Amino acid sequence: MDLSATRKTKWYEYAIRFVFGGTVTAVAGLIAKEFGPSIGGLFLAFPAIFPASATLIEKHEKEKKEERGLSGTARGTAAASVDAAGASIGTIGLISFALTVWFLIVTYPPELVLAAATIAWFTVSVLGWYIRDTFM
């Protein structure tokens, strides 16, 4: 984990993420109000922060290479693709969370279901990253 990137990120880059994420969430709320929570939930699953973060990751990696006099296009693209892989794996983890809730909520107390779903999400996400890291 490289925390030095947080010092290099400009305030407006954080603002872009915040505004984009908030807008997506607000639109999902409006859709839920109009068409019901099932449809609204589908839109809430949209990766609100991913598009902004992927472009910022690509930009930062490209700038780091260009500071050394090199072309950073390939490095920026590669870094953004790793972020996309993580988002995809996280999505699979969220699907396991949703399925766990769906199957257990009618039988068990909500607290237990939430705990089980969180464990399912964490396990599937970590396992997915381990598989990707080991075999690809």
C-alpha atoms as a PDB file:
ATOM      1  CA  MET A   1       0.000   0.000   0.000  1.00  0.00           C
ATOM      2  CA  ASP A   2       1.408   3.349  -1.048  1.00  0.00           C
ATOM      3  CA  LEU A   3      -0.005   6.225   1.014  1.00  0.00           C
ATOM      4  CA  SER A   4       2.175   8.814  -0.728  1.00  0.00           C
ATOM      5  CA  ALA A   5      -0.491   9.082  -3.430  1.00  0.00           C
ATOM      6  CA  THR A   6      -2.820  10.761  -0.926  1.00  0.00           C
ATOM      7  CA  ARG A   7      -0.422  13.685  -0.673  1.00  0.00           C
ATOM      8  CA  LYS A   8      -0.227  13.979  -4.458  1.00  0.00           C
ATOM      9  CA  THR A   9      -3.975  14.017  -4.956  1.00  0.00           C
ATOM     10  CA  LYS A  10      -5.348  17.507  -5.410  1.00  0.00           C
ATOM     11  CA  TRP A  11      -8.436  18.707  -3.546  1.00  0.00           C
ATOM     12  CA  TYR A  12     -10.519  18.936  -6.713  1.00  0.00           C
ATOM     13  CA  GLU A  13      -9.814  15.282  -7.511  1.00  0.00           C
ATOM     14  CA  TYR A  14     -11.415  14.328  -4.204  1.00  0.00           C
ATOM     15  CA  ALA A  15     -14.279  16.709  -5.023  1.00  0.00           C
ATOM     16  CA  ILE A  16     -14.836  14.962  -8.370  1.00  0.00           C
ATOM     17  CA  ARG A  17     -15.142  11.595  -6.610  1.00  0.00           C
ATOM     18  CA  PHE A  18     -17.452  13.038  -3.967  1.00  0.00           C
ATOM     19  CA  VAL A  19     -19.755  14.790  -6.431  1.00  0.00           C
ATOM     20  CA  PHE A  20     -19.918  11.828  -8.820  1.00  0.00           C
ATOM     21  CA  GLY A  21     -20.597   9.341  -6.017  1.00  0.00           C
ATOM     22  CA  GLY A  22     -23.188  11.595  -4.416  1.00  0.00           C
ATOM     23  CA  THR A  23     -24.931  12.198  -7.725  1.00  0.00           C
ATOM     24  CA  VAL A  24     -25.170   8.475  -8.484  1.00  0.00           C
ATOM     25  CA  THR A  25     -26.539   7.814  -4.994  1.00  0.00           C
ATOM     26  CA  ALA A  26     -29.105  10.624  -5.293  1.00  0.00           C
ATOM     27  CA  VAL A  27     -30.249   9.393  -8.707  1.00  0.00           C
ATOM     28  CA  ALA A  28     -30.604   5.851  -7.313  1.00  0.00           C
ATOM     29  CA  GLY A  29     -32.737   7.303  -4.495  1.00  0.00           C
ATOM     30  CA  LEU A  30     -34.979   9.103  -6.977  1.00  0.00           C
ATOM     31  CA  ILE A  31     -35.336   5.934  -9.039  1.00  0.00           C
ATOM     32  CA  ALA A  32     -36.204   3.972  -5.878  1.00  0.00           C
ATOM     33  CA  LYS A  33     -38.811   6.563  -4.933  1.00  0.00           C
ATOM     34  CA  GLU A  34     -40.414   6.371  -8.367  1.00  0.00           C
ATOM     35  CA  PHE A  35     -40.113   2.644  -9.148  1.00  0.00           C
ATOM     36  CA  GLY A  36     -39.606   0.989  -5.763  1.00  0.00           C
ATOM     37  CA  PRO A  37     -36.631  -0.232  -3.740  1.00  0.00           C
ATOM     38  CA  SER A  38     -35.912  -3.304  -5.880  1.00  0.00           C
ATOM     39  CA  ILE A  39     -35.285  -1.227  -8.991  1.00  0.00           C
ATOM     40  CA  GLY A  40     -33.558   1.530  -7.015  1.00  0.00           C
ATOM     41  CA  GLY A  41     -31.235  -1.041  -5.448  1.00  0.00           C
ATOM     42  CA  LEU A  42     -30.081  -2.131  -8.879  1.00  0.00           C
ATOM     43  CA  PHE A  43     -29.001   1.406  -9.631  1.00  0.00           C
ATOM     44  CA  LEU A  44     -27.419   1.830  -6.206  1.00  0.00           C
ATOM     45  CA  ALA A  45     -25.160  -1.084  -7.127  1.00  0.00           C
ATOM     46  CA  PHE A  46     -23.590   1.121  -9.829  1.00  0.00           C
ATOM     47  CA  PRO A  47     -19.908   1.604  -9.029  1.00  0.00           C
ATOM     48  CA  ALA A  48     -20.232   5.270  -8.118  1.00  0.00           C
ATOM     49  CA  ILE A  49     -16.598   5.953  -7.324  1.00  0.00           C
ATOM     50  CA  PHE A  50     -14.869   3.564  -9.715  1.00  0.00           C
ATOM     51  CA  PRO A  51     -15.006   5.676 -12.921  1.00  0.00           C
ATOM     52  CA  ALA A  52     -13.506   8.696 -11.164  1.00  0.00           C
ATOM     53  CA  SER A  53     -10.868   6.690  -9.314  1.00  0.00           C
ATOM     54  CA  ALA A  54      -9.811   4.728 -12.409  1.00  0.00           C
ATOM     55  CA  THR A  55      -9.200   7.898 -14.388  1.00  0.00           C
ATOM     56  CA  LEU A  56      -7.322   9.491 -11.480  1.00  0.00           C
ATOM     57  CA  ILE A  57      -5.150   6.390 -11.002  1.00  0.00           C
ATOM     58  CA  GLU A  58      -4.318   6.384 -14.703  1.00  0.00           C
ATOM     59  CA  LYS A  59      -3.476  10.095 -14.586  1.00  0.00           C
ATOM     60  CA  HIS A  60      -1.244   9.816 -11.492  1.00  0.00           C
ATOM     61  CA  GLU A  61       0.698   6.826 -12.800  1.00  0.00           C
ATOM     62  CA  LYS A  62       1.198   8.519 -16.150  1.00  0.00           C
ATOM     63  CA  GLU A  63       2.441  11.703 -14.438  1.00  0.00           C
ATOM     64  CA  LYS A  64       4.922   9.730 -12.286  1.00  0.00           C
ATOM     65  CA  LYS A  65       6.513   8.175 -15.387  1.00  0.00           C
ATOM     66  CA  GLU A  66       6.532  11.444 -17.315  1.00  0.00           C
ATOM     67  CA  GLU A  67       8.379  13.154 -14.431  1.00  0.00           C
ATOM     68  CA  ARG A  68      11.225  10.734 -15.202  1.00  0.00           C
ATOM     69  CA  GLY A  69      11.081  11.516 -18.907  1.00  0.00           C
ATOM     70  CA  LEU A  70       9.271   8.314 -19.881  1.00  0.00           C
ATOM     71  CA  SER A  71       5.954   7.683 -21.543  1.00  0.00           C
ATOM     72  CA  GLY A  72       3.517   6.702 -18.823  1.00  0.00           C
ATOM     73  CA  THR A  73       0.576   5.669 -20.962  1.00  0.00           C
ATOM     74  CA  ALA A  74       1.118   1.920 -20.627  1.00  0.00           C
ATOM     75  CA  ARG A  75       1.822   2.177 -16.883  1.00  0.00           C
ATOM     76  CA  GLY A  76      -1.302   4.287 -16.326  1.00  0.00           C
ATOM     77  CA  THR A  77      -3.457   1.862 -18.249  1.00  0.00           C
ATOM     78  CA  ALA A  78      -2.009  -1.110 -16.363  1.00  0.00           C
ATOM     79  CA  ALA A  79      -2.633   0.533 -12.987  1.00  0.00           C
ATOM     80  CA  ALA A  80      -6.227   1.365 -13.927  1.00  0.00           C
ATOM     81  CA  SER A  81      -6.757  -2.229 -15.087  1.00  0.00           C
ATOM     82  CA  VAL A  82      -5.608  -3.568 -11.705  1.00  0.00           C
ATOM     83  CA  ASP A  83      -8.123  -1.221 -10.074  1.00  0.00           C
ATOM     84  CA  ALA A  84     -10.809  -2.541 -12.433  1.00  0.00           C
ATOM     85  CA  ALA A  85      -9.915  -6.118 -11.511  1.00  0.00           C
ATOM     86  CA  GLY A  86     -10.325  -5.233  -7.846  1.00  0.00           C
ATOM     87  CA  ALA A  87     -13.697  -3.628  -8.551  1.00  0.00           C
ATOM     88  CA  SER A  88     -14.819  -6.740 -10.434  1.00  0.00           C
ATOM     89  CA  ILE A  89     -13.737  -9.028  -7.619  1.00  0.00           C
ATOM     90  CA  GLY A  90     -15.444  -6.754  -5.109  1.00  0.00           C
ATOM     91  CA  THR A  91     -18.618  -6.943  -7.184  1.00  0.00           C
ATOM     92  CA  ILE A  92     -18.547 -10.721  -6.994  1.00  0.00           C
ATOM     93  CA  GLY A  93     -18.127 -10.359  -3.223  1.00  0.00           C
ATOM     94  CA  LEU A  94     -21.159  -8.058  -3.089  1.00  0.00           C
ATOM     95  CA  ILE A  95     -23.182 -10.606  -5.041  1.00  0.00           C
ATOM     96  CA  SER A  96     -22.303 -13.178  -2.387  1.00  0.00           C
ATOM     97  CA  PHE A  97     -23.404 -10.662   0.274  1.00  0.00           C
ATOM     98  CA  ALA A  98     -26.745 -10.117  -1.470  1.00  0.00           C
ATOM     99  CA  LEU A  99     -27.381 -13.815  -1.997  1.00  0.00           C
ATOM    100  CA  THR A 100     -26.584 -14.578   1.627  1.00  0.00           C
ATOM    101  CA  VAL A 101     -29.078 -11.937   2.784  1.00  0.00           C
ATOM    102  CA  TRP A 102     -31.675 -13.118   0.279  1.00  0.00           C
ATOM    103  CA  PHE A 103     -31.517 -16.744   1.388  1.00  0.00           C
ATOM    104  CA  LEU A 104     -31.213 -16.192   5.149  1.00  0.00           C
ATOM    105  CA  ILE A 105     -33.312 -13.110   5.962  1.00  0.00           C
ATOM    106  CA  VAL A 106     -36.635 -14.941   6.249  1.00  0.00           C
ATOM    107  CA  THR A 107     -35.249 -17.544   8.659  1.00  0.00           C
ATOM    108  CA  TYR A 108     -32.698 -15.852  10.915  1.00  0.00           C
ATOM    109  CA  PRO A 109     -32.454 -12.596  12.899  1.00  0.00           C
ATOM    110  CA  PRO A 110     -31.214  -9.594  10.879  1.00  0.00           C
ATOM    111  CA  GLU A 111     -28.073  -9.197  13.019  1.00  0.00           C
ATOM    112  CA  LEU A 112     -27.015 -12.762  12.310  1.00  0.00           C
ATOM    113  CA  VAL A 113     -27.823 -12.413   8.615  1.00  0.00           C
ATOM    114  CA  LEU A 114     -25.774  -9.211   8.378  1.00  0.00           C
ATOM    115  CA  ALA A 115     -22.826 -10.887  10.097  1.00  0.00           C
ATOM    116  CA  ALA A 116     -23.041 -13.943   7.814  1.00  0.00           C
ATOM    117  CA  ALA A 117     -23.369 -11.783   4.696  1.00  0.00           C
ATOM    118  CA  THR A 118     -20.362  -9.681   5.718  1.00  0.00           C
ATOM    119  CA  ILE A 119     -18.286 -12.811   6.271  1.00  0.00           C
ATOM    120  CA  ALA A 120     -19.417 -14.141   2.868  1.00  0.00           C
ATOM    121  CA  TRP A 121     -18.464 -10.859   1.156  1.00  0.00           C
ATOM    122  CA  PHE A 122     -15.066 -10.737   2.845  1.00  0.00           C
ATOM    123  CA  THR A 123     -14.282 -14.402   2.155  1.00  0.00           C
ATOM    124  CA  VAL A 124     -15.302 -14.301  -1.507  1.00  0.00           C
ATOM    125  CA  SER A 125     -13.462 -11.015  -2.114  1.00  0.00           C
ATOM    126  CA  VAL A 126     -10.215 -12.134  -0.476  1.00  0.00           C
ATOM    127  CA  LEU A 127     -10.398 -15.534  -2.163  1.00  0.00           C
ATOM    128  CA  GLY A 128     -11.060 -13.868  -5.524  1.00  0.00           C
ATOM    129  CA  TRP A 129      -8.058 -11.573  -5.130  1.00  0.00           C
ATOM    130  CA  TYR A 130      -5.871 -14.500  -4.025  1.00  0.00           C
ATOM    131  CA  ILE A 131      -6.895 -16.528  -7.084  1.00  0.00           C
ATOM    132  CA  ARG A 132      -6.277 -13.570  -9.398  1.00  0.00           C
ATOM    133  CA  ASP A 133      -2.933 -12.801  -7.795  1.00  0.00           C
ATOM    134  CA  THR A 134      -1.772 -16.421  -7.784  1.00  0.00           C
ATOM    135  CA  PHE A 135      -2.935 -17.697 -11.150  1.00  0.00           C
ATOM    136  CA  MET A 136      -3.071 -14.679 -13.449  1.00  0.00           C
END
